[in-house]
Amino acid sequence: QVQLVESGGGLVQAGGSLRLSCVASGRTFSSYAMAWFRQAPGKERERVAEITWSGRTTYYASSVKGRFTIAGDNAKTTVSLQMNNLKPEDTAVYYCAARGSPLLIYNYWGQGTQVTVSS
């Protein structure tokens, strides 16, 4: 059984930093890409950042570009999200997800970790 487990959320003041981590486990786990999503109360889930293992290409939402950095390990089972210069609007539950093909269909999801940015 594949599991994605996030860690690193918490409460931080505006302008501060947090680093999220996601570890994938399970004998059958493999992925084409791993991503971070977030969902704030009353808002739709948003893809924040993604790393595609082939070529290590990355994607960032315009709202976080220049502030967030996604990185992955060589085993392709761990991704991190370094979040700098956090803003109150970054407050959300952050989810790790993985997809097994170029299609934007995410097969696996973590349970989420809360990030709260106070003003």
C-alpha atoms as a PDB file:
ATOM      1  CA  GLN A   1       0.000   0.000   0.000  1.00  0.00           C
ATOM      2  CA  VAL A   2       1.393   3.366  -1.007  1.00  0.00           C
ATOM      3  CA  GLN A   3       1.414   6.182   1.517  1.00  0.00           C
ATOM      4  CA  LEU A   4       2.446   9.809   1.258  1.00  0.00           C
ATOM      5  CA  VAL A   5       3.194  11.449   4.586  1.00  0.00           C
ATOM      6  CA  GLU A   6       3.684  15.197   4.920  1.00  0.00           C
ATOM      7  CA  SER A   7       5.416  17.027   7.738  1.00  0.00           C
ATOM      8  CA  GLY A   8       6.660  20.481   8.545  1.00  0.00           C
ATOM      9  CA  GLY A   9       3.537  22.593   8.715  1.00  0.00           C
ATOM     10  CA  GLY A  10       2.889  25.066  11.483  1.00  0.00           C
ATOM     11  CA  LEU A  11       2.294  28.660  12.462  1.00  0.00           C
ATOM     12  CA  VAL A  12       4.619  31.390  11.257  1.00  0.00           C
ATOM     13  CA  GLN A  13       4.541  35.156  11.036  1.00  0.00           C
ATOM     14  CA  ALA A  14       4.316  36.926   7.717  1.00  0.00           C
ATOM     15  CA  GLY A  15       7.746  37.136   6.128  1.00  0.00           C
ATOM     16  CA  GLY A  16       8.863  33.934   7.766  1.00  0.00           C
ATOM     17  CA  SER A  17       9.791  30.565   6.308  1.00  0.00           C
ATOM     18  CA  LEU A  18       8.686  26.951   6.577  1.00  0.00           C
ATOM     19  CA  ARG A  19       9.877  23.764   4.943  1.00  0.00           C
ATOM     20  CA  LEU A  20       7.453  20.974   4.149  1.00  0.00           C
ATOM     21  CA  SER A  21       8.524  17.410   3.474  1.00  0.00           C
ATOM     22  CA  CYS A  22       6.702  14.481   1.909  1.00  0.00           C
ATOM     23  CA  VAL A  23       7.888  10.905   2.049  1.00  0.00           C
ATOM     24  CA  ALA A  24       6.381   8.188  -0.122  1.00  0.00           C
ATOM     25  CA  SER A  25       6.442   4.566   0.960  1.00  0.00           C
ATOM     26  CA  GLY A  26       5.166   1.294  -0.410  1.00  0.00           C
ATOM     27  CA  ARG A  27       6.762  -1.453  -2.426  1.00  0.00           C
ATOM     28  CA  THR A  28       4.915  -0.588  -5.612  1.00  0.00           C
ATOM     29  CA  PHE A  29       5.432   3.168  -5.471  1.00  0.00           C
ATOM     30  CA  SER A  30       6.775   4.875  -8.520  1.00  0.00           C
ATOM     31  CA  SER A  31       5.834   8.207  -9.991  1.00  0.00           C
ATOM     32  CA  TYR A  32       6.192  10.420 -13.006  1.00  0.00           C
ATOM     33  CA  ALA A  33       5.958  13.557 -10.893  1.00  0.00           C
ATOM     34  CA  MET A  34       5.262  14.720  -7.361  1.00  0.00           C
ATOM     35  CA  ALA A  35       3.513  17.911  -6.442  1.00  0.00           C
ATOM     36  CA  TRP A  36       2.307  20.140  -3.643  1.00  0.00           C
ATOM     37  CA  PHE A  37      -1.260  21.378  -3.601  1.00  0.00           C
ATOM     38  CA  ARG A  38      -2.994  23.633  -1.118  1.00  0.00           C
ATOM     39  CA  GLN A  39      -6.545  24.362  -0.179  1.00  0.00           C
ATOM     40  CA  ALA A  40      -7.723  27.283   1.893  1.00  0.00           C
ATOM     41  CA  PRO A  41     -11.179  27.399   3.484  1.00  0.00           C
ATOM     42  CA  GLY A  42     -13.815  28.220   0.898  1.00  0.00           C
ATOM     43  CA  LYS A  43     -11.353  28.031  -1.980  1.00  0.00           C
ATOM     44  CA  GLU A  44     -10.577  25.464  -4.631  1.00  0.00           C
ATOM     45  CA  ARG A  45      -7.551  23.257  -4.344  1.00  0.00           C
ATOM     46  CA  GLU A  46      -4.562  24.813  -6.093  1.00  0.00           C
ATOM     47  CA  ARG A  47      -1.459  23.157  -7.477  1.00  0.00           C
ATOM     48  CA  VAL A  48       1.389  25.107  -5.949  1.00  0.00           C
ATOM     49  CA  ALA A  49       4.519  23.388  -7.226  1.00  0.00           C
ATOM     50  CA  GLU A  50       5.554  20.208  -8.970  1.00  0.00           C
ATOM     51  CA  ILE A  51       8.690  18.377  -9.935  1.00  0.00           C
ATOM     52  CA  THR A  52       8.772  16.023 -12.897  1.00  0.00           C
ATOM     53  CA  TRP A  53      11.424  13.399 -12.446  1.00  0.00           C
ATOM     54  CA  SER A  54      12.403  13.236 -16.095  1.00  0.00           C
ATOM     55  CA  GLY A  55      14.670  16.186 -16.525  1.00  0.00           C
ATOM     56  CA  ARG A  56      13.842  17.423 -13.029  1.00  0.00           C
ATOM     57  CA  THR A  57      11.618  20.095 -14.498  1.00  0.00           C
ATOM     58  CA  THR A  58       9.606  22.186 -12.074  1.00  0.00           C
ATOM     59  CA  TYR A  59       6.333  24.074 -12.100  1.00  0.00           C
ATOM     60  CA  TYR A  60       5.245  26.891  -9.803  1.00  0.00           C
ATOM     61  CA  ALA A  61       1.970  28.702  -9.498  1.00  0.00           C
ATOM     62  CA  SER A  62       2.369  32.390 -10.231  1.00  0.00           C
ATOM     63  CA  SER A  63       1.305  33.209  -6.684  1.00  0.00           C
ATOM     64  CA  VAL A  64       4.361  31.481  -5.204  1.00  0.00           C
ATOM     65  CA  LYS A  65       6.990  31.831  -7.912  1.00  0.00           C
ATOM     66  CA  GLY A  66      10.184  33.288  -6.514  1.00  0.00           C
ATOM     67  CA  ARG A  67       9.195  32.458  -2.924  1.00  0.00           C
ATOM     68  CA  PHE A  68       8.725  28.674  -2.929  1.00  0.00           C
ATOM     69  CA  THR A  69      11.190  26.009  -4.064  1.00  0.00           C
ATOM     70  CA  ILE A  70      10.408  22.352  -4.661  1.00  0.00           C
ATOM     71  CA  ALA A  71      13.127  19.719  -4.519  1.00  0.00           C
ATOM     72  CA  GLY A  72      13.250  15.951  -4.770  1.00  0.00           C
ATOM     73  CA  ASP A  73      15.679  13.264  -3.766  1.00  0.00           C
ATOM     74  CA  ASN A  74      17.483  10.850  -6.077  1.00  0.00           C
ATOM     75  CA  ALA A  75      15.275   7.980  -4.980  1.00  0.00           C
ATOM     76  CA  LYS A  76      12.234   9.908  -6.228  1.00  0.00           C
ATOM     77  CA  THR A  77      10.381   9.163  -3.013  1.00  0.00           C
ATOM     78  CA  THR A  78      10.813  12.418  -1.108  1.00  0.00           C
ATOM     79  CA  VAL A  79       9.930  15.956  -2.049  1.00  0.00           C
ATOM     80  CA  SER A  80      10.297  19.121  -0.063  1.00  0.00           C
ATOM     81  CA  LEU A  81       8.797  22.553  -0.391  1.00  0.00           C
ATOM     82  CA  GLN A  82      10.834  25.444   0.951  1.00  0.00           C
ATOM     83  CA  MET A  83       8.515  28.378   1.536  1.00  0.00           C
ATOM     84  CA  ASN A  84      10.059  31.802   2.090  1.00  0.00           C
ATOM     85  CA  ASN A  85       8.581  35.246   2.571  1.00  0.00           C
ATOM     86  CA  LEU A  86       5.280  33.704   3.584  1.00  0.00           C
ATOM     87  CA  LYS A  87       2.143  35.781   3.350  1.00  0.00           C
ATOM     88  CA  PRO A  88      -1.187  35.436   5.167  1.00  0.00           C
ATOM     89  CA  GLU A  89      -2.755  34.347   1.872  1.00  0.00           C
ATOM     90  CA  ASP A  90      -0.487  31.292   1.902  1.00  0.00           C
ATOM     91  CA  THR A  91      -2.507  29.950   4.826  1.00  0.00           C
ATOM     92  CA  ALA A  92      -3.986  26.609   3.793  1.00  0.00           C
ATOM     93  CA  VAL A  93      -3.780  22.876   4.194  1.00  0.00           C
ATOM     94  CA  TYR A  94      -0.919  21.676   2.028  1.00  0.00           C
ATOM     95  CA  TYR A  95      -1.092  18.276   0.374  1.00  0.00           C
ATOM     96  CA  CYS A  96       1.545  16.168  -1.282  1.00  0.00           C
ATOM     97  CA  ALA A  97       0.473  14.236  -4.368  1.00  0.00           C
ATOM     98  CA  ALA A  98       1.986  11.954  -6.988  1.00  0.00           C
ATOM     99  CA  ARG A  99       1.015  11.013 -10.526  1.00  0.00           C
ATOM    100  CA  GLY A 100       2.172   8.080 -12.567  1.00  0.00           C
ATOM    101  CA  SER A 101       2.012   9.516 -16.078  1.00  0.00           C
ATOM    102  CA  PRO A 102       2.162  12.788 -18.022  1.00  0.00           C
ATOM    103  CA  LEU A 103      -1.598  13.105 -17.518  1.00  0.00           C
ATOM    104  CA  LEU A 104      -2.575  15.452 -14.699  1.00  0.00           C
ATOM    105  CA  ILE A 105      -4.229  12.648 -12.760  1.00  0.00           C
ATOM    106  CA  TYR A 106      -2.853  12.262  -9.263  1.00  0.00           C
ATOM    107  CA  ASN A 107      -2.976   8.694  -8.026  1.00  0.00           C
ATOM    108  CA  TYR A 108      -1.733   9.252  -4.514  1.00  0.00           C
ATOM    109  CA  TRP A 109      -2.388  11.914  -1.896  1.00  0.00           C
ATOM    110  CA  GLY A 110      -1.091  12.651   1.559  1.00  0.00           C
ATOM    111  CA  GLN A 111      -3.272  13.540   4.509  1.00  0.00           C
ATOM    112  CA  GLY A 112      -2.293  17.209   4.483  1.00  0.00           C
ATOM    113  CA  THR A 113      -0.449  19.536   6.814  1.00  0.00           C
ATOM    114  CA  GLN A 114      -1.710  22.900   8.046  1.00  0.00           C
ATOM    115  CA  VAL A 115       0.250  26.052   7.309  1.00  0.00           C
ATOM    116  CA  THR A 116      -0.914  29.211   9.032  1.00  0.00           C
ATOM    117  CA  VAL A 117       0.677  32.590   8.382  1.00  0.00           C
ATOM    118  CA  SER A 118      -0.209  35.365  10.776  1.00  0.00           C
ATOM    119  CA  SER A 119      -0.083  39.033   9.813  1.00  0.00           C
END
